């Protein structure tokens, strides 16, 4: 899974160009968590607010991030789902 955590849902990642469910589930989960952590952790040079980081996570669902993993991540942290800014599905 660690080898695959830079693969993108749309197949544009590396090192093997895997796409969608070809990417191991553990790697897809790590990718979402690591992405969010990197955005909000101070000292990374590009620290975002939590809200801005969540907006970016939502925007990457189906592109670089597994949309199902993003949905579960947002549910776990008590945030509105993908495609929603106010808690209603668009």
N, C-alpha and C. Protein backbone atom coordinates (compact mmCIF):
# COMPACT_ATOMS: atom_id res chain seq x y z
N UNK A 1 0.80 -1.21 0.00
CA UNK A 1 0.00 0.00 0.00
C UNK A 1 0.84 1.28 0.00
N UNK A 2 1.95 1.27 0.73
CA UNK A 2 2.76 2.48 0.81
C UNK A 2 3.29 2.86 -0.57
N UNK A 3 3.69 1.88 -1.35
CA UNK A 3 4.20 2.14 -2.69
C UNK A 3 3.14 2.83 -3.56
N UNK A 4 1.89 2.58 -3.30
CA UNK A 4 0.81 3.07 -4.16
C UNK A 4 0.11 4.32 -3.65
N UNK A 5 0.56 4.92 -2.57
CA UNK A 5 -0.21 6.03 -2.01
C UNK A 5 -0.07 7.34 -2.79
N UNK A 6 0.72 7.35 -3.86
CA UNK A 6 0.78 8.51 -4.74
C UNK A 6 0.10 8.25 -6.08
N UNK A 7 -0.61 7.13 -6.16
CA UNK A 7 -1.40 6.86 -7.36
C UNK A 7 -2.66 7.73 -7.28
N UNK A 8 -3.10 8.22 -8.42
CA UNK A 8 -4.31 9.05 -8.48
C UNK A 8 -5.49 8.23 -8.96
N UNK A 9 -6.66 8.53 -8.42
CA UNK A 9 -7.89 7.84 -8.78
C UNK A 9 -8.08 7.83 -10.30
N UNK A 10 -7.70 8.92 -10.98
CA UNK A 10 -7.90 9.01 -12.43
C UNK A 10 -6.77 8.38 -13.24
N UNK A 11 -5.79 7.78 -12.57
CA UNK A 11 -4.71 7.08 -13.27
C UNK A 11 -3.49 7.91 -13.60
N UNK A 12 -3.47 9.17 -13.17
CA UNK A 12 -2.34 10.04 -13.52
C UNK A 12 -1.24 10.06 -12.48
N UNK A 13 -1.33 9.22 -11.46
CA UNK A 13 -0.32 9.23 -10.39
C UNK A 13 0.89 8.37 -10.72
N UNK A 14 1.66 8.10 -9.69
CA UNK A 14 2.88 7.29 -9.85
C UNK A 14 3.03 6.38 -8.65
N UNK A 15 3.79 5.35 -8.70
CA UNK A 15 4.81 5.02 -9.70
C UNK A 15 4.30 4.16 -10.86
N UNK A 16 3.10 3.55 -10.74
CA UNK A 16 2.67 2.60 -11.77
C UNK A 16 1.50 3.06 -12.61
N UNK A 17 0.95 4.23 -12.33
CA UNK A 17 -0.18 4.72 -13.11
C UNK A 17 -1.45 3.92 -12.90
N UNK A 18 -1.61 3.37 -11.69
CA UNK A 18 -2.84 2.63 -11.37
C UNK A 18 -4.01 3.61 -11.33
N UNK A 19 -5.21 3.09 -11.55
CA UNK A 19 -6.38 3.96 -11.50
C UNK A 19 -7.51 3.26 -10.76
N UNK A 20 -8.36 4.07 -10.14
CA UNK A 20 -9.56 3.56 -9.48
C UNK A 20 -9.27 2.43 -8.51
N UNK A 21 -10.05 1.37 -8.62
CA UNK A 21 -9.95 0.26 -7.68
C UNK A 21 -8.72 -0.62 -7.91
N UNK A 22 -7.93 -0.33 -8.93
CA UNK A 22 -6.63 -1.01 -9.08
C UNK A 22 -5.70 -0.62 -7.93
N UNK A 23 -5.92 0.56 -7.37
CA UNK A 23 -5.11 1.06 -6.26
C UNK A 23 -5.57 0.34 -4.99
N UNK A 24 -4.65 -0.25 -4.23
CA UNK A 24 -5.07 -0.93 -3.00
C UNK A 24 -5.84 0.01 -2.08
N UNK A 25 -6.89 -0.51 -1.45
CA UNK A 25 -7.74 0.30 -0.57
C UNK A 25 -6.92 1.00 0.51
N UNK A 26 -5.99 0.31 1.13
CA UNK A 26 -5.17 0.94 2.17
C UNK A 26 -4.44 2.15 1.63
N UNK A 27 -3.94 2.08 0.41
CA UNK A 27 -3.23 3.21 -0.21
C UNK A 27 -4.18 4.37 -0.46
N UNK A 28 -5.42 4.07 -0.85
CA UNK A 28 -6.41 5.12 -1.09
C UNK A 28 -6.78 5.84 0.21
N UNK A 29 -6.85 5.09 1.29
CA UNK A 29 -7.14 5.68 2.60
C UNK A 29 -5.96 6.53 3.06
N UNK A 30 -4.76 5.99 2.95
CA UNK A 30 -3.55 6.74 3.33
C UNK A 30 -3.48 8.03 2.54
N UNK A 31 -3.81 7.98 1.25
CA UNK A 31 -3.72 9.16 0.39
C UNK A 31 -4.60 10.30 0.91
N UNK A 32 -5.83 9.99 1.29
CA UNK A 32 -6.73 11.03 1.78
C UNK A 32 -6.21 11.59 3.11
N UNK A 33 -5.85 10.72 4.03
CA UNK A 33 -5.38 11.17 5.34
C UNK A 33 -4.08 11.96 5.22
N UNK A 34 -3.15 11.48 4.41
CA UNK A 34 -1.87 12.16 4.25
C UNK A 34 -2.06 13.51 3.55
N UNK A 35 -2.94 13.56 2.59
CA UNK A 35 -3.20 14.82 1.88
C UNK A 35 -3.75 15.87 2.85
N UNK A 36 -4.75 15.49 3.63
CA UNK A 36 -5.33 16.43 4.59
C UNK A 36 -4.28 16.87 5.61
N UNK A 37 -3.54 15.93 6.14
CA UNK A 37 -2.50 16.25 7.12
C UNK A 37 -1.47 17.23 6.55
N UNK A 38 -1.02 16.97 5.34
CA UNK A 38 -0.02 17.84 4.72
C UNK A 38 -0.55 19.26 4.52
N UNK A 39 -1.85 19.38 4.25
CA UNK A 39 -2.43 20.71 4.02
C UNK A 39 -2.56 21.52 5.30
N UNK A 40 -2.83 20.87 6.41
CA UNK A 40 -3.11 21.61 7.65
C UNK A 40 -1.93 21.65 8.63
N UNK A 41 -0.93 20.82 8.42
CA UNK A 41 0.19 20.76 9.36
C UNK A 41 1.08 21.99 9.19
N UNK A 42 1.35 22.65 10.29
CA UNK A 42 2.24 23.80 10.23
C UNK A 42 3.66 23.33 9.96
N UNK A 43 4.43 24.17 9.31
CA UNK A 43 5.80 23.83 9.00
C UNK A 43 5.97 23.21 7.63
N UNK A 44 4.88 23.02 6.89
CA UNK A 44 5.00 22.43 5.56
C UNK A 44 5.19 23.49 4.49
N UNK A 45 5.07 24.75 4.84
CA UNK A 45 5.26 25.83 3.88
C UNK A 45 3.99 26.22 3.15
N UNK A 46 2.96 25.40 3.21
CA UNK A 46 1.71 25.72 2.52
C UNK A 46 0.51 25.40 3.42
N UNK A 47 0.61 25.80 4.67
CA UNK A 47 -0.45 25.50 5.62
C UNK A 47 -1.76 26.17 5.22
N UNK A 48 -2.83 25.39 5.22
CA UNK A 48 -4.17 25.88 4.92
C UNK A 48 -5.01 25.83 6.19
N UNK A 49 -6.08 26.60 6.18
CA UNK A 49 -7.05 26.44 7.25
C UNK A 49 -7.74 25.09 7.07
N UNK A 50 -8.35 24.61 8.11
CA UNK A 50 -9.07 23.33 8.05
C UNK A 50 -10.15 23.39 6.97
N UNK A 51 -10.91 24.48 6.94
CA UNK A 51 -12.00 24.61 5.96
C UNK A 51 -11.48 24.61 4.52
N UNK A 52 -10.39 25.31 4.28
CA UNK A 52 -9.81 25.34 2.94
C UNK A 52 -9.27 23.97 2.55
N UNK A 53 -8.64 23.28 3.50
CA UNK A 53 -8.14 21.93 3.23
C UNK A 53 -9.29 20.98 2.91
N UNK A 54 -10.39 21.08 3.64
CA UNK A 54 -11.55 20.23 3.37
C UNK A 54 -12.15 20.54 2.00
N UNK A 55 -12.16 21.80 1.63
CA UNK A 55 -12.64 22.19 0.30
C UNK A 55 -11.76 21.55 -0.78
N UNK A 56 -10.46 21.55 -0.56
CA UNK A 56 -9.53 20.94 -1.51
C UNK A 56 -9.73 19.42 -1.58
N UNK A 57 -9.92 18.79 -0.43
CA UNK A 57 -10.18 17.34 -0.41
C UNK A 57 -11.44 17.05 -1.21
N UNK A 58 -12.50 17.81 -0.98
CA UNK A 58 -13.75 17.61 -1.74
C UNK A 58 -13.52 17.78 -3.24
N UNK A 59 -12.74 18.78 -3.61
CA UNK A 59 -12.52 19.07 -5.03
C UNK A 59 -11.71 17.98 -5.72
N UNK A 60 -10.93 17.22 -4.97
CA UNK A 60 -10.10 16.17 -5.55
C UNK A 60 -10.77 14.80 -5.58
N UNK A 61 -11.97 14.71 -5.01
CA UNK A 61 -12.71 13.45 -5.04
C UNK A 61 -13.03 13.09 -6.49
N UNK A 62 -12.59 11.93 -6.92
CA UNK A 62 -12.81 11.49 -8.29
C UNK A 62 -11.71 11.89 -9.24
N UNK A 63 -10.77 12.69 -8.78
CA UNK A 63 -9.62 13.10 -9.60
C UNK A 63 -8.38 12.41 -9.05
N UNK A 64 -7.85 12.93 -7.94
CA UNK A 64 -6.69 12.27 -7.33
C UNK A 64 -7.10 11.38 -6.17
N UNK A 65 -8.28 11.60 -5.61
CA UNK A 65 -8.71 10.86 -4.43
C UNK A 65 -9.95 10.01 -4.73
N UNK A 66 -10.01 8.85 -4.09
CA UNK A 66 -11.16 7.96 -4.21
C UNK A 66 -12.38 8.66 -3.62
N UNK A 67 -13.42 8.89 -4.41
CA UNK A 67 -14.60 9.60 -3.88
C UNK A 67 -15.28 8.89 -2.72
N UNK A 68 -15.25 7.56 -2.70
CA UNK A 68 -15.86 6.83 -1.58
C UNK A 68 -15.06 7.01 -0.30
N UNK A 69 -13.74 7.02 -0.42
CA UNK A 69 -12.89 7.24 0.76
C UNK A 69 -13.07 8.67 1.26
N UNK A 70 -13.15 9.62 0.36
CA UNK A 70 -13.39 11.02 0.76
C UNK A 70 -14.72 11.13 1.49
N UNK A 71 -15.75 10.49 0.97
CA UNK A 71 -17.08 10.54 1.60
C UNK A 71 -17.02 10.00 3.03
N UNK A 72 -16.37 8.87 3.23
CA UNK A 72 -16.26 8.28 4.56
C UNK A 72 -15.40 9.16 5.47
N UNK A 73 -14.31 9.69 4.94
CA UNK A 73 -13.46 10.61 5.71
C UNK A 73 -14.29 11.79 6.22
N UNK A 74 -15.07 12.39 5.34
CA UNK A 74 -15.90 13.54 5.73
C UNK A 74 -16.96 13.15 6.75
N UNK A 75 -17.56 11.98 6.59
CA UNK A 75 -18.53 11.50 7.57
C UNK A 75 -17.89 11.32 8.94
N UNK A 76 -16.71 10.72 8.96
CA UNK A 76 -16.02 10.45 10.22
C UNK A 76 -15.71 11.74 10.98
N UNK A 77 -15.32 12.77 10.24
CA UNK A 77 -14.98 14.03 10.93
C UNK A 77 -16.17 14.97 11.06
N UNK A 78 -17.36 14.51 10.63
CA UNK A 78 -18.58 15.29 10.83
C UNK A 78 -18.75 16.45 9.88
N UNK A 79 -18.28 16.28 8.64
CA UNK A 79 -18.38 17.34 7.64
C UNK A 79 -19.41 16.99 6.58
N UNK A 80 -19.93 18.01 5.87
CA UNK A 80 -20.87 17.75 4.79
C UNK A 80 -20.20 16.91 3.69
N UNK A 81 -20.99 16.15 2.96
CA UNK A 81 -20.45 15.26 1.93
C UNK A 81 -19.88 16.00 0.72
N UNK A 82 -19.25 15.25 -0.16
CA UNK A 82 -18.72 15.78 -1.41
C UNK A 82 -19.86 16.40 -2.19
N UNK A 83 -19.59 17.55 -2.84
CA UNK A 83 -20.62 18.20 -3.63
C UNK A 83 -21.56 19.05 -2.81
N UNK A 84 -21.19 19.29 -1.54
CA UNK A 84 -22.08 20.03 -0.65
C UNK A 84 -21.28 21.06 0.12
N UNK A 85 -21.84 22.22 0.27
CA UNK A 85 -21.21 23.23 1.10
C UNK A 85 -22.03 23.52 2.34
N UNK A 86 -23.27 23.02 2.36
CA UNK A 86 -24.13 23.31 3.50
C UNK A 86 -24.79 22.07 4.07
N UNK A 87 -24.26 20.90 3.72
CA UNK A 87 -24.81 19.68 4.27
C UNK A 87 -25.84 19.01 3.39
N UNK A 88 -26.27 19.66 2.31
CA UNK A 88 -27.22 19.05 1.39
C UNK A 88 -26.46 18.62 0.14
N UNK A 89 -26.82 17.45 -0.38
CA UNK A 89 -26.20 17.00 -1.62
C UNK A 89 -26.69 17.88 -2.77
N UNK A 90 -25.76 18.24 -3.62
CA UNK A 90 -26.12 19.08 -4.78
C UNK A 90 -26.50 18.22 -5.94
